[in-house]
Protein backbone atom coordinates (compact mmCIF):
# COMPACT_ATOMS: atom_id res chain seq x y z
CA MET A 1 0.23 0.30 -0.13
CA ILE A 2 1.11 3.25 0.24
CA GLU A 3 2.25 6.59 -0.02
CA ASP A 4 4.98 6.70 -2.41
CA GLN A 5 8.02 4.84 -0.74
CA ASN A 6 10.61 4.97 -3.56
CA ASN A 7 13.27 3.15 -1.76
CA GLU A 8 12.02 -0.56 -2.19
CA ASN A 9 15.19 -2.63 -2.91
CA SER A 10 15.24 -2.37 1.57
CA ASN A 11 12.51 -4.93 1.68
CA PRO A 12 10.68 -5.77 -1.73
CA SER A 13 9.72 -8.87 -0.40
CA ASN A 14 7.24 -6.97 2.01
CA ARG A 15 5.32 -5.05 -0.96
CA ARG A 16 5.26 -5.95 -4.40
CA ASN A 17 5.72 -10.25 -3.97
CA PHE A 18 3.44 -10.63 -0.32
CA LEU A 19 0.68 -10.67 -2.13
CA LYS A 20 1.52 -13.76 -4.23
CA ASN A 21 3.50 -15.28 -1.94
CA VAL A 22 0.88 -15.24 0.88
CA ALA A 23 -1.27 -16.90 -1.66
CA LEU A 24 1.04 -19.45 -2.12
CA PHE A 25 1.51 -19.56 2.17
CA GLY A 26 -2.56 -19.52 2.17
CA ALA A 27 -3.04 -22.54 -0.79
CA ALA A 28 -0.71 -25.01 1.54
CA ALA A 29 -1.84 -24.47 4.60
CA GLY A 30 -5.28 -24.26 3.76
CA ILE A 31 -5.69 -21.11 5.60
CA PRO A 32 -8.81 -18.61 3.18
CA THR A 33 -7.56 -15.68 1.58
CA VAL A 34 -9.60 -12.54 2.23
CA LEU A 35 -8.53 -10.84 -1.11
CA VAL A 36 -11.06 -10.86 -3.87
CA GLN A 37 -10.94 -9.60 -7.21
CA SER A 38 -13.18 -7.20 -6.96
CA CYS A 39 -14.65 -7.08 -10.40
CA THR A 40 -13.93 -10.97 -11.70
CA GLU A 41 -17.30 -11.02 -11.48
CA LYS A 42 -18.46 -8.63 -13.83
CA LYS A 43 -16.21 -9.77 -16.82
CA THR A 44 -17.47 -11.88 -19.46
CA THR A 45 -15.18 -14.98 -20.76
CA SER A 46 -13.46 -12.77 -23.36
CA VAL A 47 -12.22 -10.52 -20.85
CA SER A 48 -8.10 -11.65 -21.14
CA GLU A 49 -6.68 -12.89 -17.20
CA SER A 50 -4.76 -9.90 -16.52
CA GLU A 51 -7.87 -7.60 -17.20
CA LYS A 52 -9.79 -10.15 -14.48
CA ASP A 53 -7.10 -9.27 -11.96
CA ILE A 54 -7.74 -5.93 -11.97
CA PRO A 55 -9.04 -3.94 -8.50
CA LEU A 56 -12.02 -1.97 -8.83
CA ILE A 57 -13.44 0.45 -6.19
CA LEU A 58 -17.35 -0.17 -5.89
CA GLN A 59 -17.58 1.29 -2.43
CA SER A 60 -18.22 4.88 -1.98
CA ARG A 61 -18.56 7.58 1.08
CA THR A 62 -20.37 11.02 1.38
CA LEU A 63 -18.32 14.19 3.20
CA GLY A 64 -20.31 16.76 4.50
CA ARG A 65 -24.44 16.62 5.11
CA GLY A 66 -26.17 18.54 3.14
CA SER A 67 -25.76 21.23 1.24
CA ALA A 68 -22.16 20.04 1.91
CA ALA A 69 -22.56 16.73 0.50
CA MET A 70 -20.20 15.28 -1.70
CA GLU A 71 -20.25 11.57 -2.58
CA VAL A 72 -16.65 10.11 -3.40
CA SER A 73 -14.72 6.72 -3.74
CA ALA A 74 -14.53 5.44 -0.08
CA LEU A 75 -10.41 5.65 -0.69
CA GLY A 76 -8.91 8.85 -2.95
CA PHE A 77 -5.45 9.77 -4.15
CA GLY A 78 -3.03 12.77 -3.00
CA VAL A 79 -1.15 13.35 -6.04
CA MET A 80 1.52 14.92 -4.06
CA GLY A 81 4.11 12.80 -4.11
CA MET A 82 4.39 12.28 -8.15
CA ASN A 83 6.42 15.28 -8.22
CA TYR A 84 6.53 16.80 -4.65
CA HIS A 85 8.38 15.33 -1.12
CA ARG A 86 8.78 12.68 -2.37
CA GLY A 87 12.53 11.51 -3.73
CA PRO A 88 13.69 11.15 -7.36
CA PHE A 89 10.08 11.83 -9.45
CA PRO A 90 9.56 9.13 -12.02
CA ASP A 91 8.40 10.35 -15.75
CA LYS A 92 5.65 12.63 -16.19
CA LYS A 93 3.83 10.50 -18.71
CA ALA A 94 4.21 7.37 -16.44
CA MET A 95 2.41 9.50 -13.76
CA ILE A 96 -0.36 10.47 -16.39
CA LYS A 97 -1.02 7.21 -17.43
CA LEU A 98 -0.63 6.32 -13.40
CA ALA A 99 -3.62 9.10 -12.89
CA HIS A 100 -5.56 7.76 -15.49
CA GLN A 101 -4.74 3.97 -14.45
CA ALA A 102 -6.67 5.58 -10.49
CA VAL A 103 -9.79 6.92 -12.85
CA GLU A 104 -10.57 2.96 -14.20
CA ARG A 105 -10.26 1.37 -11.49
CA GLY A 106 -12.97 4.01 -9.28
CA VAL A 107 -10.77 6.41 -7.83
CA THR A 108 -12.79 9.89 -7.91
CA LEU A 109 -11.35 11.88 -4.99
CA PHE A 110 -7.92 13.68 -6.20
CA ASP A 111 -6.14 15.97 -3.99
CA THR A 112 -3.69 18.77 -4.36
CA ALA A 113 -2.24 21.84 -3.30
CA GLU A 114 -1.19 25.68 -4.53
CA THR A 115 1.53 25.30 -2.40
CA TYR A 116 3.87 21.55 -3.56
CA GLY A 117 6.00 22.85 -5.78
CA PRO A 118 4.76 25.35 -5.30
CA PHE A 119 2.17 25.33 -8.23
CA ILE A 120 3.85 22.24 -10.34
CA ASN A 121 1.45 19.56 -8.43
CA GLU A 122 -1.46 21.29 -9.50
CA GLU A 123 -0.09 21.96 -13.24
CA LEU A 124 0.44 17.99 -13.30
CA VAL A 125 -3.69 17.80 -12.30
CA GLY A 126 -4.39 19.73 -14.44
CA GLU A 127 -2.84 17.98 -17.29
CA ALA A 128 -3.54 14.65 -16.73
CA LEU A 129 -6.76 14.57 -15.18
CA SER A 130 -8.94 17.81 -16.31
CA GLN A 131 -10.67 15.79 -19.19
CA PHE A 132 -12.34 13.89 -16.61
CA LYS A 133 -13.55 17.01 -15.13
CA ASN A 134 -17.04 15.79 -14.74
CA LYS A 135 -15.86 12.31 -14.01
CA ILE A 136 -14.68 13.12 -10.66
CA ALA A 137 -14.00 15.65 -8.08
CA ILE A 138 -10.33 17.01 -7.77
CA THR A 139 -9.60 18.98 -4.84
CA THR A 140 -6.90 22.03 -3.78
CA LYS A 141 -5.39 24.31 -0.81
CA PHE A 142 -4.80 27.47 -0.14
CA GLY A 143 -3.29 28.98 2.43
CA PHE A 144 0.16 30.60 1.64
CA ASN A 145 1.82 33.60 0.67
CA TYR A 146 2.26 33.20 -3.33
CA ALA A 147 1.42 37.18 -3.76
CA GLY A 148 1.00 37.43 -8.06
CA ASN A 149 1.53 33.53 -7.92
CA LYS A 150 4.91 33.68 -7.83
CA ILE A 151 7.36 31.63 -6.01
CA ASN A 152 8.84 32.83 -2.86
CA GLU A 153 12.80 32.74 -3.25
CA THR A 154 12.53 32.33 1.61
CA PRO A 155 9.54 29.89 2.45
CA ALA A 156 6.33 31.07 2.24
CA GLY A 157 4.57 32.22 5.20
CA VAL A 158 0.61 32.37 6.01
CA ASN A 159 -1.61 34.09 3.82
CA SER A 160 -5.30 33.57 4.06
CA ARG A 161 -6.25 37.19 3.76
CA PRO A 162 -9.82 37.50 1.14
CA GLU A 163 -7.86 38.74 -1.72
CA ARG A 164 -5.06 36.35 -1.69
CA ILE A 165 -7.80 33.25 -1.17
CA ARG A 166 -9.63 35.18 -4.82
CA GLU A 167 -5.41 35.50 -6.40
CA MET A 168 -5.04 31.58 -5.51
CA VAL A 169 -8.67 29.99 -6.66
CA GLU A 170 -8.40 31.88 -10.38
CA ALA A 171 -4.95 30.67 -10.88
CA SER A 172 -5.44 27.76 -9.99
CA LEU A 173 -8.39 27.04 -11.64
CA LYS A 174 -6.43 27.45 -14.94
CA ARG A 175 -3.17 25.30 -13.79
CA LEU A 176 -6.51 22.90 -13.07
CA ASN A 177 -8.21 22.78 -16.11
CA ILE A 178 -11.03 22.96 -14.56
CA ASP A 179 -14.22 25.68 -14.06
CA THR A 180 -15.47 25.40 -10.74
CA ILE A 181 -13.27 23.18 -7.20
CA GLU A 182 -15.39 20.84 -5.66
CA LEU A 183 -13.53 21.70 -2.14
CA LEU A 184 -10.98 24.40 -1.59
CA TYR A 185 -9.32 23.43 1.63
CA GLN A 186 -7.55 26.34 4.04
CA HIS A 187 -4.52 24.64 4.23
CA ARG A 188 -2.97 26.15 7.24
CA LEU A 189 -4.62 28.32 9.57
CA ASP A 190 -3.20 31.91 9.49
CA PRO A 191 -3.66 33.87 12.88
CA ASN A 192 -3.45 37.28 11.22
CA VAL A 193 -6.71 36.86 9.92
CA PRO A 194 -9.89 35.53 11.66
CA ILE A 195 -11.50 32.23 10.17
CA GLU A 196 -15.17 33.72 9.89
CA ASP A 197 -13.39 36.08 7.13
CA VAL A 198 -12.01 33.01 5.48
CA ALA A 199 -15.15 31.47 5.30
CA GLY A 200 -17.13 34.04 4.55
CA THR A 201 -14.86 34.45 1.18
CA VAL A 202 -15.07 31.22 0.06
CA LYS A 203 -18.92 31.35 1.02
CA ASP A 204 -18.88 34.29 -1.70
CA LEU A 205 -16.68 32.14 -4.26
CA ILE A 206 -19.51 29.26 -3.62
CA ALA A 207 -22.32 32.01 -5.04
CA GLU A 208 -19.73 32.96 -7.81
CA GLY A 209 -19.69 29.26 -8.70
CA LYS A 210 -15.69 29.12 -8.75
CA VAL A 211 -16.09 26.35 -5.84
CA LYS A 212 -18.08 24.37 -4.52
CA ARG A 213 -17.23 23.66 -0.79
CA PHE A 214 -15.41 24.50 1.51
CA GLY A 215 -12.62 22.57 3.70
CA LEU A 216 -10.22 23.35 6.58
CA CYS A 217 -7.27 21.45 7.12
CA GLU A 218 -5.12 20.54 10.43
CA VAL A 219 -7.39 23.06 12.73
CA SER A 220 -8.38 22.79 16.12
CA ALA A 221 -12.33 21.86 16.83
CA GLU A 222 -13.19 25.61 17.84
CA THR A 223 -12.01 27.47 14.71
CA ILE A 224 -14.15 24.02 13.01
CA ARG A 225 -17.24 25.25 14.75
CA LYS A 226 -16.55 29.03 13.86
CA ALA A 227 -16.04 28.39 10.58
CA HIS A 228 -18.99 26.02 9.79
CA ALA A 229 -21.35 28.62 11.47
CA VAL A 230 -20.32 31.06 8.57
CA GLN A 231 -20.47 28.18 5.78
CA PRO A 232 -21.10 24.72 6.58
CA VAL A 233 -17.72 22.17 6.24
CA THR A 234 -17.40 19.68 3.36
CA ALA A 235 -14.73 17.87 5.13
CA ILE A 236 -11.15 18.21 7.24
CA GLN A 237 -8.49 16.87 6.45
CA SER A 238 -5.58 16.05 8.80
CA GLU A 239 -2.79 13.60 9.31
CA TYR A 240 -4.77 10.49 11.30
CA HIS A 241 -3.30 7.11 11.80
CA LEU A 242 -1.97 4.42 14.04
CA MET A 243 1.48 6.41 14.68
CA TRP A 244 -0.81 9.55 15.24
CA ARG A 245 -4.12 9.40 16.83
CA GLU A 246 -4.35 12.53 18.06
CA PRO A 247 -7.36 13.84 15.83
CA GLU A 248 -9.64 11.47 18.31
CA LYS A 249 -9.47 13.55 21.26
CA GLU A 250 -11.92 16.32 20.10
CA ILE A 251 -11.88 16.77 16.10
CA LEU A 252 -13.25 13.02 15.34
CA PRO A 253 -15.90 13.87 17.42
CA VAL A 254 -16.57 17.31 16.13
CA CYS A 255 -16.84 15.93 12.95
CA GLU A 256 -19.55 13.56 14.10
CA GLU A 257 -20.99 15.68 15.52
CA LEU A 258 -21.61 18.57 12.46
CA GLY A 259 -21.88 15.81 10.25
CA ILE A 260 -18.26 16.89 8.10
CA GLY A 261 -16.35 14.23 6.51
CA PHE A 262 -12.96 13.56 7.42
CA VAL A 263 -9.94 13.42 4.96
CA PRO A 264 -6.39 11.65 6.42
CA TYR A 265 -3.69 12.66 4.91
CA SER A 266 -0.19 10.40 4.96
CA PRO A 267 -2.31 7.06 5.86
CA ILE A 268 0.55 5.18 6.16
CA ASN A 269 2.75 7.51 7.45
CA ARG A 270 4.46 8.56 4.70
CA GLY A 271 5.18 4.72 3.88
CA PHE A 272 6.88 3.93 7.82
CA LEU A 273 3.51 1.50 8.21
CA THR A 274 4.38 -0.17 5.09
CA GLY A 275 7.58 -2.19 5.90
CA SER A 276 9.53 -0.69 3.11
CA ILE A 277 11.58 1.39 5.66
CA ASN A 278 13.99 1.11 7.61
CA GLU A 279 17.46 2.95 9.55
CA TYR A 280 19.03 2.61 6.32
CA THR A 281 16.83 4.25 4.00
CA ASP A 282 17.96 7.45 2.50
CA PHE A 283 15.55 10.13 2.36
CA THR A 284 18.33 12.30 0.64
CA LEU A 285 17.63 12.35 -2.73
CA GLY A 286 15.21 14.75 -4.16
CA SER A 287 13.09 16.62 -2.55
CA ASP A 288 12.15 14.32 -0.40
CA ASN A 289 10.73 16.18 3.87
CA ARG A 290 10.99 13.06 5.21
CA LYS A 291 14.97 13.25 5.80
CA ILE A 292 14.13 16.33 8.57
CA LEU A 293 11.01 14.64 10.21
CA PRO A 294 12.17 13.61 13.63
CA ARG A 295 10.26 10.50 13.22
CA PHE A 296 11.98 9.60 9.90
CA GLN A 297 15.43 9.63 12.21
CA PRO A 298 17.72 6.33 12.26
CA GLU A 299 17.48 6.17 15.42
CA ALA A 300 13.22 6.42 15.89
CA ILE A 301 12.72 4.65 12.54
CA ARG A 302 14.40 1.42 14.67
CA ALA A 303 12.57 1.52 17.83
CA ASN A 304 9.30 1.87 15.93
CA LEU A 305 9.74 -0.60 13.69
CA LYS A 306 7.91 -2.78 16.57
CA ILE A 307 4.63 -1.15 15.38
CA VAL A 308 5.81 -2.28 11.90
CA GLU A 309 5.61 -6.06 13.41
CA GLU A 310 2.66 -6.13 15.04
CA LEU A 311 1.03 -4.95 11.41
CA ASN A 312 2.45 -7.67 9.94
CA LYS A 313 1.59 -10.11 12.34
CA PHE A 314 -2.20 -9.17 12.15
CA GLY A 315 -1.83 -9.99 8.18
CA ARG A 316 0.07 -12.98 8.19
CA THR A 317 -2.50 -15.21 8.86
CA ARG A 318 -5.09 -13.15 7.59
CA GLY A 319 -3.52 -12.84 3.90
CA ILE A 320 -3.46 -8.88 4.23
CA THR A 321 -0.37 -6.84 3.76
CA ALA A 322 1.10 -3.85 6.83
CA ALA A 323 0.18 -1.70 4.97
CA GLN A 324 -3.59 -2.88 4.36
CA ALA A 325 -3.93 -3.39 7.91
CA ALA A 326 -2.96 -0.08 8.62
CA LEU A 327 -5.83 1.07 5.90
CA GLY A 328 -8.69 -1.24 6.73
CA TRP A 329 -7.57 0.38 10.09
CA LEU A 330 -8.93 3.37 9.46
CA LEU A 331 -11.66 2.58 6.84
CA GLN A 332 -13.46 0.99 9.62
CA LYS A 333 -13.32 3.69 12.11
CA ALA A 334 -16.23 5.25 10.91
CA THR A 335 -18.33 5.93 7.40
CA TYR A 336 -17.13 9.57 7.13
CA ILE A 337 -13.32 8.44 6.83
CA VAL A 338 -11.98 8.92 3.90
CA PRO A 339 -8.38 8.16 3.18
CA ILE A 340 -6.21 9.60 0.27
CA PRO A 341 -3.13 7.46 0.28
CA GLY A 342 -1.03 8.44 -2.77
CA THR A 343 1.64 6.49 -4.65
CA THR A 344 3.51 6.98 -7.72
CA LYS A 345 3.61 2.64 -8.93
CA LEU A 346 0.34 0.78 -10.03
CA SER A 347 1.13 -1.85 -7.82
CA HIS A 348 0.96 -0.33 -4.92
CA LEU A 349 -2.52 1.67 -5.77
CA GLU A 350 -3.84 -1.49 -6.32
CA GLU A 351 -2.45 -2.88 -2.94
CA ASN A 352 -4.25 0.07 -1.81
CA LEU A 353 -7.37 -0.01 -3.36
CA ARG A 354 -7.74 -4.24 -2.51
CA THR A 355 -7.90 -2.57 1.48
CA LEU A 356 -11.83 -1.89 0.29
CA ASP A 357 -12.06 -5.81 -0.12
CA PHE A 358 -12.18 -7.45 3.06
CA THR A 359 -13.86 -6.93 6.75
CA PHE A 360 -12.22 -8.11 10.19
CA SER A 361 -14.43 -8.31 13.00
CA ALA A 362 -14.53 -5.04 15.25
CA GLN A 363 -12.77 -7.36 18.20
CA GLU A 364 -9.76 -7.97 15.60
CA TRP A 365 -9.56 -4.47 15.06
CA SER A 366 -9.60 -3.24 18.51
CA GLU A 367 -6.71 -6.23 19.36
CA LEU A 368 -4.44 -4.44 16.32
CA GLU A 369 -5.10 -1.18 17.70
CA ALA A 370 -4.34 -2.38 21.53
CA ALA A 371 -0.93 -3.97 20.51
CA VAL A 372 0.13 -0.79 18.48
CA ALA A 373 -1.10 1.70 21.15
CA ASN A 374 1.11 -0.31 23.85
CA ILE A 375 4.06 0.22 21.46
CA THR A 376 5.38 3.90 22.70
CA ILE A 377 6.74 5.74 19.87
CA ILE A 378 9.60 7.79 19.16
CA GLY A 379 10.22 11.58 17.64
CA ASP A 380 7.34 14.11 16.87
CA ARG A 381 6.29 13.89 13.49
CA TYR A 382 7.14 17.39 12.59
CA PRO A 383 10.12 19.54 12.98
CA ALA A 384 8.71 22.76 15.35
CA SER A 385 8.61 25.14 12.75
CA GLU A 386 6.18 23.43 11.11
CA GLN A 387 4.29 21.99 13.69
CA LYS A 388 3.62 25.26 14.72
CA GLN A 389 1.47 25.56 12.21
CA VAL A 390 -0.89 22.59 13.06
CA GLN A 391 -3.62 22.76 15.54
CA ASN A 392 -3.52 19.58 16.85
């Protein structure tokens, strides 16, 4: 599964060969596999064997309520890692092809942001996906100081002034090559602009037809309530996975109360929960931001691998990978949760999508959760400079 991990050579058997190996093991040991080929029964006998194996998302979920509601595939796709923050990047044509393959497999929710690059990720999304704009939802984010839509010489600070939001929307519509933004998030809170003013600006953009829905990223329950009172919020996007469960304290309860969807980014902790990262993994290539994250320092990786061991233990007797166990745990937490893992590889995309093909009891998931909760996690998720930009 994957939030793309461009370092497969550290333990490739955990990834590409796992499904094949577990099938052979299951047959020999008499263990029934829980993975199914979700679209096989819908194919005719004239379809090739390779086509029969293509996973297809048949499940949808709803983010938001009432006029703010948006129906999307049960798993979305985070596009960021295709050309930003994840080491050396594959050829653009290959990424466009992969985006098309995601659409073909039923993914309808694609996430990007102005600041990814900046601008280059939105440009990739526009080139790859604008032809499907009536079939999918493209979401993007504002909140940084790219005045004049120019790349800053110094790191961009936050900026959610109404004029900056409008400037960003006009530029993003052009880069994305779409007529309206399905869901527009505030990427990071701007302490200098009241959230009511931010929500009011987006409300005006919705009335003008340039935006359809409003979302927030990494904010407190209080901020959510204030924004929602001005413009109904469709979704909150925050980091959430077995190694970061802070949203469970206040954010998920307020989402449930107000009928707001929740979109976890980095649902497998930037590839760590796949089991393909170890203390020798090199993050210095390209623009990989994991090299500065405390939890991706060698000593933290070494200690936190105990969590991956628990995921492998859970998955080994059930015919699933560590990544699928991590994603499956998220999906069963609430029906309004829609994770957005990203990848640069078709095999990983399909591995992710097959998570939707299995179900386990609540007791089984609780046992996995308890086992991981007993492990002390080493390292903060962000360095101090980035942590101060989030509210949870």
